[in-house]
């Protein structure tokens, strides 16, 4: 039993130190994010056993490792915390938002159109807008302002709004296809910067399971590069805006190091761990998040909801904020 505890302690010390050293690596970082609190519990148990068995040398290394784990956890919590103090004001403006990857192969467009119309949101962000989808959207959505870029395949992107909007810029991938639509929204004299985003899809990895890790690593690098490109542009102009929203299909789960790094710069309107958006199916509830409505400055979250129904492989997400 004594040898087992020592061996187990050694395994957890080494594996945890490797994960901490490789926290920005896709696999090591993901394992660390998923298992962080379980590891802390295991280390507490092992430290208790080492004290009980008088394994003082092992205890020292266990304490050092759990200390490093606490420091890393505190660093993440501190950097993703929202320290903005929202003050009460009669001039606050409410904004309701839908983000929806409507799926470029969607053959039952009516179901998704009805879902969009049911919420009567102030602004609708759409991804995977094809020319056929564009015709259906324009015929069925009654919004006075729109900016659309319909493309065959998965790169079409559109915004529909009740308030005046102005296109600032498209940000493209290495092949010249849009990954972000940067738009300015004006509400009662307040300029809001909006980023409608669709980062690179890992579909190639999913469709080729024998090469899944190779293609997924490539996709992860693409997404990281694309996010950094968008973030760099937003940083260059953000001082001109009262609020900034980063919205869309990021193709990034909450368990990846990239999402952790994204949350250093943004706040999530979803605070419910069990609210998931993908995959959308009539048989099973969604199990992961790929779609997000994020904000940057002093917005307050009024509501967040994953909308049930629709005929896309993604669920639509809905949020209300005020600022």
C-alpha atoms as a PDB file:
ATOM      1  CA  UNK A   1       0.000   0.000   0.000  1.00  0.00           C
ATOM      2  CA  UNK A   2       2.850   2.382   0.840  1.00  0.00           C
ATOM      3  CA  UNK A   3       4.531   1.742  -2.537  1.00  0.00           C
ATOM      4  CA  UNK A   4       1.195   2.295  -4.307  1.00  0.00           C
ATOM      5  CA  UNK A   5       0.684   5.701  -2.668  1.00  0.00           C
ATOM      6  CA  UNK A   6       4.246   6.754  -3.521  1.00  0.00           C
ATOM      7  CA  UNK A   7       3.877   5.582  -7.129  1.00  0.00           C
ATOM      8  CA  UNK A   8       0.513   7.303  -7.488  1.00  0.00           C
ATOM      9  CA  UNK A   9       1.932  10.506  -6.017  1.00  0.00           C
ATOM     10  CA  UNK A  10       4.871  10.396  -8.423  1.00  0.00           C
ATOM     11  CA  UNK A  11       2.565   9.861 -11.425  1.00  0.00           C
ATOM     12  CA  UNK A  12       0.293  12.757 -10.498  1.00  0.00           C
ATOM     13  CA  UNK A  13       3.200  15.096  -9.708  1.00  0.00           C
ATOM     14  CA  UNK A  14       4.916  14.425 -13.051  1.00  0.00           C
ATOM     15  CA  UNK A  15       1.721  14.478 -15.162  1.00  0.00           C
ATOM     16  CA  UNK A  16       0.503  17.706 -13.517  1.00  0.00           C
ATOM     17  CA  UNK A  17       3.851  19.455 -14.001  1.00  0.00           C
ATOM     18  CA  UNK A  18       3.822  18.414 -17.673  1.00  0.00           C
ATOM     19  CA  UNK A  19       0.293  19.832 -18.106  1.00  0.00           C
ATOM     20  CA  UNK A  20       1.247  23.083 -16.373  1.00  0.00           C
ATOM     21  CA  UNK A  21       4.344  23.448 -18.546  1.00  0.00           C
ATOM     22  CA  UNK A  22       2.278  22.709 -21.671  1.00  0.00           C
ATOM     23  CA  UNK A  23      -0.833  24.697 -20.706  1.00  0.00           C
ATOM     24  CA  UNK A  24      -0.935  26.391 -24.143  1.00  0.00           C
ATOM     25  CA  UNK A  25      -0.685  23.080 -26.011  1.00  0.00           C
ATOM     26  CA  UNK A  26      -4.031  21.896 -27.406  1.00  0.00           C
ATOM     27  CA  UNK A  27      -4.081  18.441 -25.752  1.00  0.00           C
ATOM     28  CA  UNK A  28      -2.153  19.206 -22.543  1.00  0.00           C
ATOM     29  CA  UNK A  29      -4.006  22.503 -22.017  1.00  0.00           C
ATOM     30  CA  UNK A  30      -7.388  20.881 -22.622  1.00  0.00           C
ATOM     31  CA  UNK A  31      -6.638  18.114 -20.116  1.00  0.00           C
ATOM     32  CA  UNK A  32      -5.551  20.730 -17.572  1.00  0.00           C
ATOM     33  CA  UNK A  33      -8.734  22.789 -18.041  1.00  0.00           C
ATOM     34  CA  UNK A  34     -11.001  19.730 -17.781  1.00  0.00           C
ATOM     35  CA  UNK A  35      -9.235  18.115 -14.821  1.00  0.00           C
ATOM     36  CA  UNK A  36      -7.993  21.141 -12.819  1.00  0.00           C
ATOM     37  CA  UNK A  37     -10.382  20.844  -9.859  1.00  0.00           C
ATOM     38  CA  UNK A  38     -10.269  17.047  -9.826  1.00  0.00           C
ATOM     39  CA  UNK A  39      -6.461  17.256  -9.644  1.00  0.00           C
ATOM     40  CA  UNK A  40      -6.673  19.630  -6.690  1.00  0.00           C
ATOM     41  CA  UNK A  41      -8.947  17.155  -4.861  1.00  0.00           C
ATOM     42  CA  UNK A  42      -6.597  14.243  -5.641  1.00  0.00           C
ATOM     43  CA  UNK A  43      -3.578  16.198  -4.390  1.00  0.00           C
ATOM     44  CA  UNK A  44      -5.364  17.041  -1.140  1.00  0.00           C
ATOM     45  CA  UNK A  45      -6.058  13.335  -0.599  1.00  0.00           C
ATOM     46  CA  UNK A  46      -2.466  12.379  -1.452  1.00  0.00           C
ATOM     47  CA  UNK A  47      -1.043  15.038   0.880  1.00  0.00           C
ATOM     48  CA  UNK A  48      -3.273  13.738   3.675  1.00  0.00           C
ATOM     49  CA  UNK A  49      -2.053  10.186   3.021  1.00  0.00           C
ATOM     50  CA  UNK A  50       1.584  11.284   2.865  1.00  0.00           C
ATOM     51  CA  UNK A  51       1.255  13.009   6.250  1.00  0.00           C
ATOM     52  CA  UNK A  52      -0.502   9.982   7.692  1.00  0.00           C
ATOM     53  CA  UNK A  53       2.195   7.628   6.360  1.00  0.00           C
ATOM     54  CA  UNK A  54       5.016  10.085   7.178  1.00  0.00           C
ATOM     55  CA  UNK A  55       6.209  10.315   3.568  1.00  0.00           C
ATOM     56  CA  UNK A  56       7.759  13.731   4.198  1.00  0.00           C
ATOM     57  CA  UNK A  57       9.791  13.930   0.974  1.00  0.00           C
ATOM     58  CA  UNK A  58       6.797  13.028  -1.197  1.00  0.00           C
ATOM     59  CA  UNK A  59       4.643  15.473   0.784  1.00  0.00           C
ATOM     60  CA  UNK A  60       7.019  18.321  -0.053  1.00  0.00           C
ATOM     61  CA  UNK A  61       6.722  17.711  -3.795  1.00  0.00           C
ATOM     62  CA  UNK A  62       2.953  17.245  -3.543  1.00  0.00           C
ATOM     63  CA  UNK A  63       2.626  20.593  -1.740  1.00  0.00           C
ATOM     64  CA  UNK A  64       4.826  22.363  -4.323  1.00  0.00           C
ATOM     65  CA  UNK A  65       2.816  20.909  -7.212  1.00  0.00           C
ATOM     66  CA  UNK A  66      -0.594  21.753  -5.748  1.00  0.00           C
ATOM     67  CA  UNK A  67       0.764  25.229  -5.021  1.00  0.00           C
ATOM     68  CA  UNK A  68       1.660  25.683  -8.695  1.00  0.00           C
ATOM     69  CA  UNK A  69      -1.770  24.365  -9.632  1.00  0.00           C
ATOM     70  CA  UNK A  70      -3.433  26.923  -7.339  1.00  0.00           C
ATOM     71  CA  UNK A  71      -1.291  29.730  -8.796  1.00  0.00           C
ATOM     72  CA  UNK A  72      -2.247  28.765 -12.375  1.00  0.00           C
ATOM     73  CA  UNK A  73      -5.940  28.531 -11.420  1.00  0.00           C
ATOM     74  CA  UNK A  74      -5.825  31.908  -9.664  1.00  0.00           C
ATOM     75  CA  UNK A  75      -4.109  33.456 -12.698  1.00  0.00           C
ATOM     76  CA  UNK A  76      -6.891  32.231 -15.001  1.00  0.00           C
ATOM     77  CA  UNK A  77      -9.633  33.364 -12.613  1.00  0.00           C
ATOM     78  CA  UNK A  78      -8.072  36.805 -12.163  1.00  0.00           C
ATOM     79  CA  UNK A  79      -7.585  37.364 -15.878  1.00  0.00           C
ATOM     80  CA  UNK A  80     -11.108  36.258 -16.802  1.00  0.00           C
ATOM     81  CA  UNK A  81     -12.869  38.137 -13.983  1.00  0.00           C
ATOM     82  CA  UNK A  82     -15.027  41.154 -14.780  1.00  0.00           C
ATOM     83  CA  UNK A  83     -13.959  44.072 -12.583  1.00  0.00           C
ATOM     84  CA  UNK A  84     -16.213  46.634 -14.251  1.00  0.00           C
ATOM     85  CA  UNK A  85     -18.499  48.330 -11.746  1.00  0.00           C
ATOM     86  CA  UNK A  86     -21.874  48.784 -13.412  1.00  0.00           C
ATOM     87  CA  UNK A  87     -23.538  51.910 -12.107  1.00  0.00           C
ATOM     88  CA  UNK A  88     -27.265  52.558 -12.180  1.00  0.00           C
ATOM     89  CA  UNK A  89     -28.349  54.946 -14.894  1.00  0.00           C
ATOM     90  CA  UNK A  90     -31.639  55.920 -16.460  1.00  0.00           C
ATOM     91  CA  UNK A  91     -29.930  56.215 -19.858  1.00  0.00           C
ATOM     92  CA  UNK A  92     -29.017  52.552 -20.253  1.00  0.00           C
ATOM     93  CA  UNK A  93     -29.891  51.025 -23.604  1.00  0.00           C
ATOM     94  CA  UNK A  94     -31.070  47.436 -23.952  1.00  0.00           C
ATOM     95  CA  UNK A  95     -30.021  45.361 -26.969  1.00  0.00           C
ATOM     96  CA  UNK A  96     -31.327  41.904 -27.894  1.00  0.00           C
ATOM     97  CA  UNK A  97     -29.130  39.666 -30.043  1.00  0.00           C
ATOM     98  CA  UNK A  98     -29.384  36.398 -31.961  1.00  0.00           C
ATOM     99  CA  UNK A  99     -26.368  34.531 -33.287  1.00  0.00           C
ATOM    100  CA  UNK A 100     -27.079  31.582 -35.542  1.00  0.00           C
ATOM    101  CA  UNK A 101     -25.029  29.354 -37.823  1.00  0.00           C
ATOM    102  CA  UNK A 102     -27.863  28.512 -40.189  1.00  0.00           C
ATOM    103  CA  UNK A 103     -25.929  25.682 -41.950  1.00  0.00           C
ATOM    104  CA  UNK A 104     -25.137  26.003 -45.621  1.00  0.00           C
ATOM    105  CA  UNK A 105     -26.708  22.600 -46.454  1.00  0.00           C
ATOM    106  CA  UNK A 106     -29.918  23.329 -44.528  1.00  0.00           C
ATOM    107  CA  UNK A 107     -32.858  22.113 -46.651  1.00  0.00           C
ATOM    108  CA  UNK A 108     -35.628  23.047 -44.204  1.00  0.00           C
ATOM    109  CA  UNK A 109     -35.031  26.790 -44.180  1.00  0.00           C
ATOM    110  CA  UNK A 110     -38.565  27.572 -43.030  1.00  0.00           C
ATOM    111  CA  UNK A 111     -37.969  26.059 -39.577  1.00  0.00           C
ATOM    112  CA  UNK A 112     -34.860  28.156 -38.969  1.00  0.00           C
ATOM    113  CA  UNK A 113     -36.493  31.300 -40.360  1.00  0.00           C
ATOM    114  CA  UNK A 114     -39.431  30.882 -37.969  1.00  0.00           C
ATOM    115  CA  UNK A 115     -37.010  30.455 -35.081  1.00  0.00           C
ATOM    116  CA  UNK A 116     -35.206  33.704 -35.954  1.00  0.00           C
ATOM    117  CA  UNK A 117     -38.469  35.620 -36.316  1.00  0.00           C
ATOM    118  CA  UNK A 118     -39.903  34.275 -33.050  1.00  0.00           C
ATOM    119  CA  UNK A 119     -37.547  36.322 -30.848  1.00  0.00           C
ATOM    120  CA  UNK A 120     -37.832  39.666 -32.721  1.00  0.00           C
ATOM    121  CA  UNK A 121     -34.254  40.490 -31.750  1.00  0.00           C
ATOM    122  CA  UNK A 122     -32.799  43.950 -32.336  1.00  0.00           C
ATOM    123  CA  UNK A 123     -29.914  42.472 -34.290  1.00  0.00           C
ATOM    124  CA  UNK A 124     -29.322  39.076 -35.912  1.00  0.00           C
ATOM    125  CA  UNK A 125     -25.874  37.658 -36.693  1.00  0.00           C
ATOM    126  CA  UNK A 126     -25.810  34.800 -39.200  1.00  0.00           C
ATOM    127  CA  UNK A 127     -23.078  32.474 -40.420  1.00  0.00           C
ATOM    128  CA  UNK A 128     -22.923  30.090 -43.431  1.00  0.00           C
ATOM    129  CA  UNK A 129     -25.186  32.308 -45.553  1.00  0.00           C
ATOM    130  CA  UNK A 130     -25.383  30.958 -49.115  1.00  0.00           C
ATOM    131  CA  UNK A 131     -27.028  32.787 -52.073  1.00  0.00           C
ATOM    132  CA  UNK A 132     -30.148  30.609 -51.652  1.00  0.00           C
ATOM    133  CA  UNK A 133     -30.215  31.342 -47.929  1.00  0.00           C
ATOM    134  CA  UNK A 134     -29.722  35.034 -48.680  1.00  0.00           C
ATOM    135  CA  UNK A 135     -32.821  35.104 -50.912  1.00  0.00           C
ATOM    136  CA  UNK A 136     -34.911  33.401 -48.215  1.00  0.00           C
ATOM    137  CA  UNK A 137     -33.646  35.713 -45.480  1.00  0.00           C
ATOM    138  CA  UNK A 138     -34.299  38.863 -47.484  1.00  0.00           C
ATOM    139  CA  UNK A 139     -37.817  37.674 -48.346  1.00  0.00           C
ATOM    140  CA  UNK A 140     -38.744  36.714 -44.773  1.00  0.00           C
ATOM    141  CA  UNK A 141     -36.866  38.957 -42.328  1.00  0.00           C
ATOM    142  CA  UNK A 142     -38.353  42.404 -41.930  1.00  0.00           C
ATOM    143  CA  UNK A 143     -35.314  44.419 -40.827  1.00  0.00           C
ATOM    144  CA  UNK A 144     -34.693  47.954 -42.143  1.00  0.00           C
ATOM    145  CA  UNK A 145     -30.902  47.576 -42.037  1.00  0.00           C
ATOM    146  CA  UNK A 146     -28.756  44.717 -43.290  1.00  0.00           C
ATOM    147  CA  UNK A 147     -25.229  43.933 -44.456  1.00  0.00           C
ATOM    148  CA  UNK A 148     -24.918  40.612 -46.253  1.00  0.00           C
ATOM    149  CA  UNK A 149     -22.134  38.689 -47.938  1.00  0.00           C
ATOM    150  CA  UNK A 150     -23.643  35.522 -49.345  1.00  0.00           C
ATOM    151  CA  UNK A 151     -21.193  32.890 -50.599  1.00  0.00           C
ATOM    152  CA  UNK A 152     -21.414  29.277 -51.670  1.00  0.00           C
ATOM    153  CA  UNK A 153     -20.047  26.971 -48.983  1.00  0.00           C
ATOM    154  CA  UNK A 154     -19.528  27.917 -45.346  1.00  0.00           C
ATOM    155  CA  UNK A 155     -18.076  31.448 -45.503  1.00  0.00           C
ATOM    156  CA  UNK A 156     -21.179  33.590 -46.132  1.00  0.00           C
ATOM    157  CA  UNK A 157     -21.913  35.999 -43.290  1.00  0.00           C
ATOM    158  CA  UNK A 158     -24.719  38.513 -42.649  1.00  0.00           C
ATOM    159  CA  UNK A 159     -26.163  40.954 -40.124  1.00  0.00           C
ATOM    160  CA  UNK A 160     -29.784  42.190 -39.917  1.00  0.00           C
ATOM    161  CA  UNK A 161     -30.645  45.072 -37.569  1.00  0.00           C
ATOM    162  CA  UNK A 162     -33.411  47.373 -36.388  1.00  0.00           C
ATOM    163  CA  UNK A 163     -30.887  50.187 -35.845  1.00  0.00           C
ATOM    164  CA  UNK A 164     -28.562  51.828 -38.398  1.00  0.00           C
ATOM    165  CA  UNK A 165     -25.411  49.795 -39.115  1.00  0.00           C
ATOM    166  CA  UNK A 166     -22.308  50.558 -41.148  1.00  0.00           C
ATOM    167  CA  UNK A 167     -19.737  48.125 -42.517  1.00  0.00           C
ATOM    168  CA  UNK A 168     -16.250  48.902 -41.245  1.00  0.00           C
ATOM    169  CA  UNK A 169     -14.285  46.000 -42.679  1.00  0.00           C
ATOM    170  CA  UNK A 170     -14.219  42.334 -43.586  1.00  0.00           C
ATOM    171  CA  UNK A 171     -11.354  40.313 -42.145  1.00  0.00           C
ATOM    172  CA  UNK A 172     -10.397  37.406 -44.387  1.00  0.00           C
ATOM    173  CA  UNK A 173      -8.565  34.120 -43.972  1.00  0.00           C
ATOM    174  CA  UNK A 174      -5.446  33.141 -45.941  1.00  0.00           C
ATOM    175  CA  UNK A 175      -7.644  32.278 -48.947  1.00  0.00           C
ATOM    176  CA  UNK A 176      -9.410  35.644 -49.059  1.00  0.00           C
ATOM    177  CA  UNK A 177     -12.659  34.349 -47.561  1.00  0.00           C
ATOM    178  CA  UNK A 178     -14.343  36.237 -44.695  1.00  0.00           C
ATOM    179  CA  UNK A 179     -13.903  35.088 -41.116  1.00  0.00           C
ATOM    180  CA  UNK A 180     -15.247  38.299 -39.554  1.00  0.00           C
ATOM    181  CA  UNK A 181     -17.593  41.117 -40.449  1.00  0.00           C
ATOM    182  CA  UNK A 182     -16.760  44.284 -38.485  1.00  0.00           C
ATOM    183  CA  UNK A 183     -19.777  46.558 -38.187  1.00  0.00           C
ATOM    184  CA  UNK A 184     -20.647  49.787 -36.405  1.00  0.00           C
ATOM    185  CA  UNK A 185     -24.087  50.071 -34.789  1.00  0.00           C
ATOM    186  CA  UNK A 186     -25.537  53.390 -33.660  1.00  0.00           C
ATOM    187  CA  UNK A 187     -28.142  53.430 -30.875  1.00  0.00           C
ATOM    188  CA  UNK A 188     -29.304  56.800 -29.570  1.00  0.00           C
ATOM    189  CA  UNK A 189     -25.966  58.424 -30.279  1.00  0.00           C
ATOM    190  CA  UNK A 190     -23.871  55.530 -28.892  1.00  0.00           C
ATOM    191  CA  UNK A 191     -21.511  53.787 -31.297  1.00  0.00           C
ATOM    192  CA  UNK A 192     -21.195  50.036 -30.726  1.00  0.00           C
ATOM    193  CA  UNK A 193     -18.609  47.886 -32.494  1.00  0.00           C
ATOM    194  CA  UNK A 194     -19.880  44.478 -33.594  1.00  0.00           C
ATOM    195  CA  UNK A 195     -17.819  41.566 -34.838  1.00  0.00           C
ATOM    196  CA  UNK A 196     -19.761  38.796 -36.590  1.00  0.00           C
ATOM    197  CA  UNK A 197     -17.347  35.870 -36.610  1.00  0.00           C
ATOM    198  CA  UNK A 198     -16.970  32.407 -38.107  1.00  0.00           C
ATOM    199  CA  UNK A 199     -13.595  30.857 -37.352  1.00  0.00           C
ATOM    200  CA  UNK A 200     -12.175  27.900 -39.295  1.00  0.00           C
ATOM    201  CA  UNK A 201     -14.224  24.729 -39.058  1.00  0.00           C
ATOM    202  CA  UNK A 202     -12.671  21.420 -37.906  1.00  0.00           C
ATOM    203  CA  UNK A 203     -14.988  19.544 -40.307  1.00  0.00           C
ATOM    204  CA  UNK A 204     -12.029  18.053 -42.209  1.00  0.00           C
ATOM    205  CA  UNK A 205     -10.787  16.414 -39.002  1.00  0.00           C
ATOM    206  CA  UNK A 206     -14.245  15.034 -38.184  1.00  0.00           C
ATOM    207  CA  UNK A 207     -14.707  13.689 -41.711  1.00  0.00           C
ATOM    208  CA  UNK A 208     -11.304  11.936 -41.678  1.00  0.00           C
ATOM    209  CA  UNK A 209     -11.115  10.079 -38.334  1.00  0.00           C
ATOM    210  CA  UNK A 210      -7.907   8.252 -39.293  1.00  0.00           C
ATOM    211  CA  UNK A 211      -6.155  11.645 -39.492  1.00  0.00           C
ATOM    212  CA  UNK A 212      -8.257  13.367 -36.837  1.00  0.00           C
ATOM    213  CA  UNK A 213      -5.426  14.602 -34.598  1.00  0.00           C
ATOM    214  CA  UNK A 214      -3.312  15.847 -37.523  1.00  0.00           C
ATOM    215  CA  UNK A 215      -6.163  17.826 -39.079  1.00  0.00           C
ATOM    216  CA  UNK A 216      -7.496  19.044 -35.738  1.00  0.00           C
ATOM    217  CA  UNK A 217      -4.081  20.416 -34.753  1.00  0.00           C
ATOM    218  CA  UNK A 218      -3.925  22.230 -38.111  1.00  0.00           C
ATOM    219  CA  UNK A 219      -7.410  23.622 -37.548  1.00  0.00           C
ATOM    220  CA  UNK A 220      -6.542  24.732 -34.017  1.00  0.00           C
ATOM    221  CA  UNK A 221      -3.545  26.681 -35.319  1.00  0.00           C
ATOM    222  CA  UNK A 222      -5.762  28.278 -37.977  1.00  0.00           C
ATOM    223  CA  UNK A 223      -8.368  29.339 -35.429  1.00  0.00           C
ATOM    224  CA  UNK A 224      -5.719  30.777 -33.124  1.00  0.00           C
ATOM    225  CA  UNK A 225      -4.155  32.745 -35.990  1.00  0.00           C
ATOM    226  CA  UNK A 226      -7.562  34.010 -37.128  1.00  0.00           C
ATOM    227  CA  UNK A 227      -8.597  35.083 -33.641  1.00  0.00           C
ATOM    228  CA  UNK A 228      -5.324  36.953 -33.117  1.00  0.00           C
ATOM    229  CA  UNK A 229      -5.836  38.758 -36.434  1.00  0.00           C
ATOM    230  CA  UNK A 230      -9.358  39.843 -35.435  1.00  0.00           C
ATOM    231  CA  UNK A 231      -8.305  40.799 -31.922  1.00  0.00           C
ATOM    232  CA  UNK A 232      -5.415  42.894 -33.233  1.00  0.00           C
ATOM    233  CA  UNK A 233      -7.762  44.859 -35.474  1.00  0.00           C
ATOM    234  CA  UNK A 234     -10.335  45.407 -32.712  1.00  0.00           C
ATOM    235  CA  UNK A 235      -7.579  46.608 -30.364  1.00  0.00           C
ATOM    236  CA  UNK A 236      -6.580  49.243 -32.898  1.00  0.00           C
ATOM    237  CA  UNK A 237     -10.017  50.918 -32.933  1.00  0.00           C
ATOM    238  CA  UNK A 238     -11.749  49.964 -29.671  1.00  0.00           C
ATOM    239  CA  UNK A 239     -11.290  53.361 -27.974  1.00  0.00           C
ATOM    240  CA  UNK A 240     -13.814  54.843 -30.414  1.00  0.00           C
ATOM    241  CA  UNK A 241     -16.703  52.739 -29.096  1.00  0.00           C
ATOM    242  CA  UNK A 242     -18.934  52.646 -26.029  1.00  0.00           C
ATOM    243  CA  UNK A 243     -19.209  48.852 -26.198  1.00  0.00           C
ATOM    244  CA  UNK A 244     -17.771  46.024 -28.292  1.00  0.00           C
ATOM    245  CA  UNK A 245     -19.455  42.687 -29.043  1.00  0.00           C
ATOM    246  CA  UNK A 246     -17.702  39.583 -30.386  1.00  0.00           C
ATOM    247  CA  UNK A 247     -20.313  37.181 -31.685  1.00  0.00           C
ATOM    248  CA  UNK A 248     -20.679  34.059 -33.767  1.00  0.00           C
ATOM    249  CA  UNK A 249     -19.509  30.513 -34.384  1.00  0.00           C
ATOM    250  CA  UNK A 250     -15.958  30.314 -33.020  1.00  0.00           C
ATOM    251  CA  UNK A 251     -15.697  26.542 -33.619  1.00  0.00           C
ATOM    252  CA  UNK A 252     -13.929  26.466 -30.245  1.00  0.00           C
ATOM    253  CA  UNK A 253     -15.078  24.556 -27.167  1.00  0.00           C
ATOM    254  CA  UNK A 254     -14.893  25.996 -23.657  1.00  0.00           C
ATOM    255  CA  UNK A 255     -12.276  23.369 -22.777  1.00  0.00           C
ATOM    256  CA  UNK A 256      -9.593  24.479 -25.241  1.00  0.00           C
ATOM    257  CA  UNK A 257      -6.684  26.757 -24.286  1.00  0.00           C
ATOM    258  CA  UNK A 258      -7.728  29.118 -27.114  1.00  0.00           C
ATOM    259  CA  UNK A 259     -11.083  29.767 -25.440  1.00  0.00           C
ATOM    260  CA  UNK A 260      -9.338  30.385 -22.113  1.00  0.00           C
ATOM    261  CA  UNK A 261      -7.160  32.973 -23.855  1.00  0.00           C
ATOM    262  CA  UNK A 262     -10.184  34.536 -25.584  1.00  0.00           C
ATOM    263  CA  UNK A 263     -11.821  34.974 -22.199  1.00  0.00           C
ATOM    264  CA  UNK A 264      -8.832  37.038 -21.028  1.00  0.00           C
ATOM    265  CA  UNK A 265     -10.197  39.722 -23.381  1.00  0.00           C
ATOM    266  CA  UNK A 266     -13.962  39.143 -23.277  1.00  0.00           C
ATOM    267  CA  UNK A 267     -16.915  38.360 -21.016  1.00  0.00           C
ATOM    268  CA  UNK A 268     -19.423  35.638 -21.868  1.00  0.00           C
ATOM    269  CA  UNK A 269     -23.137  36.426 -21.771  1.00  0.00           C
ATOM    270  CA  UNK A 270     -23.741  32.748 -20.952  1.00  0.00           C
ATOM    271  CA  UNK A 271     -23.127  31.944 -17.293  1.00  0.00           C
ATOM    272  CA  UNK A 272     -24.914  28.580 -17.323  1.00  0.00           C
ATOM    273  CA  UNK A 273     -22.526  25.634 -17.660  1.00  0.00           C
ATOM    274  CA  UNK A 274     -25.348  23.424 -18.960  1.00  0.00           C
ATOM    275  CA  UNK A 275     -26.381  25.739 -21.831  1.00  0.00           C
ATOM    276  CA  UNK A 276     -24.857  24.160 -24.952  1.00  0.00           C
ATOM    277  CA  UNK A 277     -25.336  24.965 -28.637  1.00  0.00           C
ATOM    278  CA  UNK A 278     -23.945  22.032 -30.655  1.00  0.00           C
ATOM    279  CA  UNK A 279     -24.962  19.698 -32.171  1.00  0.00           C
ATOM    280  CA  UNK A 280     -28.609  20.607 -32.640  1.00  0.00           C
ATOM    281  CA  UNK A 281     -30.729  17.468 -32.990  1.00  0.00           C
ATOM    282  CA  UNK A 282     -34.293  16.363 -32.339  1.00  0.00           C
ATOM    283  CA  UNK A 283     -32.938  13.225 -30.650  1.00  0.00           C
ATOM    284  CA  UNK A 284     -30.241  14.565 -28.300  1.00  0.00           C
ATOM    285  CA  UNK A 285     -29.556  17.789 -26.432  1.00  0.00           C
ATOM    286  CA  UNK A 286     -26.453  19.771 -27.484  1.00  0.00           C
ATOM    287  CA  UNK A 287     -23.318  18.717 -25.586  1.00  0.00           C
ATOM    288  CA  UNK A 288     -20.727  21.424 -26.344  1.00  0.00           C
ATOM    289  CA  UNK A 289     -20.564  25.150 -27.045  1.00  0.00           C
ATOM    290  CA  UNK A 290     -19.201  26.511 -30.302  1.00  0.00           C
ATOM    291  CA  UNK A 291     -21.345  29.657 -30.496  1.00  0.00           C
ATOM    292  CA  UNK A 292     -20.917  32.692 -28.267  1.00  0.00           C
ATOM    293  CA  UNK A 293     -22.099  36.226 -27.586  1.00  0.00           C
ATOM    294  CA  UNK A 294     -19.197  38.004 -25.872  1.00  0.00           C
ATOM    295  CA  UNK A 295     -18.733  41.611 -24.760  1.00  0.00           C
ATOM    296  CA  UNK A 296     -15.781  43.716 -23.735  1.00  0.00           C
ATOM    297  CA  UNK A 297     -16.542  46.815 -21.689  1.00  0.00           C
ATOM    298  CA  UNK A 298     -19.363  47.690 -19.267  1.00  0.00           C
ATOM    299  CA  UNK A 299     -22.388  45.846 -20.564  1.00  0.00           C
ATOM    300  CA  UNK A 300     -24.732  44.063 -18.159  1.00  0.00           C
ATOM    301  CA  UNK A 301     -26.226  40.675 -18.973  1.00  0.00           C
ATOM    302  CA  UNK A 302     -30.018  40.676 -18.789  1.00  0.00           C
ATOM    303  CA  UNK A 303     -30.738  37.277 -20.349  1.00  0.00           C
ATOM    304  CA  UNK A 304     -29.107  34.386 -22.191  1.00  0.00           C
ATOM    305  CA  UNK A 305     -30.886  31.495 -23.872  1.00  0.00           C
ATOM    306  CA  UNK A 306     -30.116  28.625 -26.234  1.00  0.00           C
ATOM    307  CA  UNK A 307     -33.118  28.504 -28.569  1.00  0.00           C
ATOM    308  CA  UNK A 308     -34.679  25.110 -29.133  1.00  0.00           C
ATOM    309  CA  UNK A 309     -35.679  24.024 -32.621  1.00  0.00           C
ATOM    310  CA  UNK A 310     -34.574  25.115 -36.030  1.00  0.00           C
ATOM    311  CA  UNK A 311     -33.127  22.901 -38.730  1.00  0.00           C
ATOM    312  CA  UNK A 312     -29.438  23.769 -38.544  1.00  0.00           C
ATOM    313  CA  UNK A 313     -26.745  21.601 -36.992  1.00  0.00           C
ATOM    314  CA  UNK A 314     -26.178  24.499 -34.551  1.00  0.00           C
ATOM    315  CA  UNK A 315     -28.683  25.882 -32.070  1.00  0.00           C
ATOM    316  CA  UNK A 316     -29.381  29.583 -32.263  1.00  0.00           C
ATOM    317  CA  UNK A 317     -28.331  31.557 -29.188  1.00  0.00           C
ATOM    318  CA  UNK A 318     -30.096  34.646 -27.838  1.00  0.00           C
ATOM    319  CA  UNK A 319     -28.956  37.284 -25.374  1.00  0.00           C
ATOM    320  CA  UNK A 320     -30.113  40.599 -23.997  1.00  0.00           C
ATOM    321  CA  UNK A 321     -27.620  43.084 -22.671  1.00  0.00           C
ATOM    322  CA  UNK A 322     -27.789  46.679 -21.500  1.00  0.00           C
ATOM    323  CA  UNK A 323     -25.135  49.381 -21.435  1.00  0.00           C
END
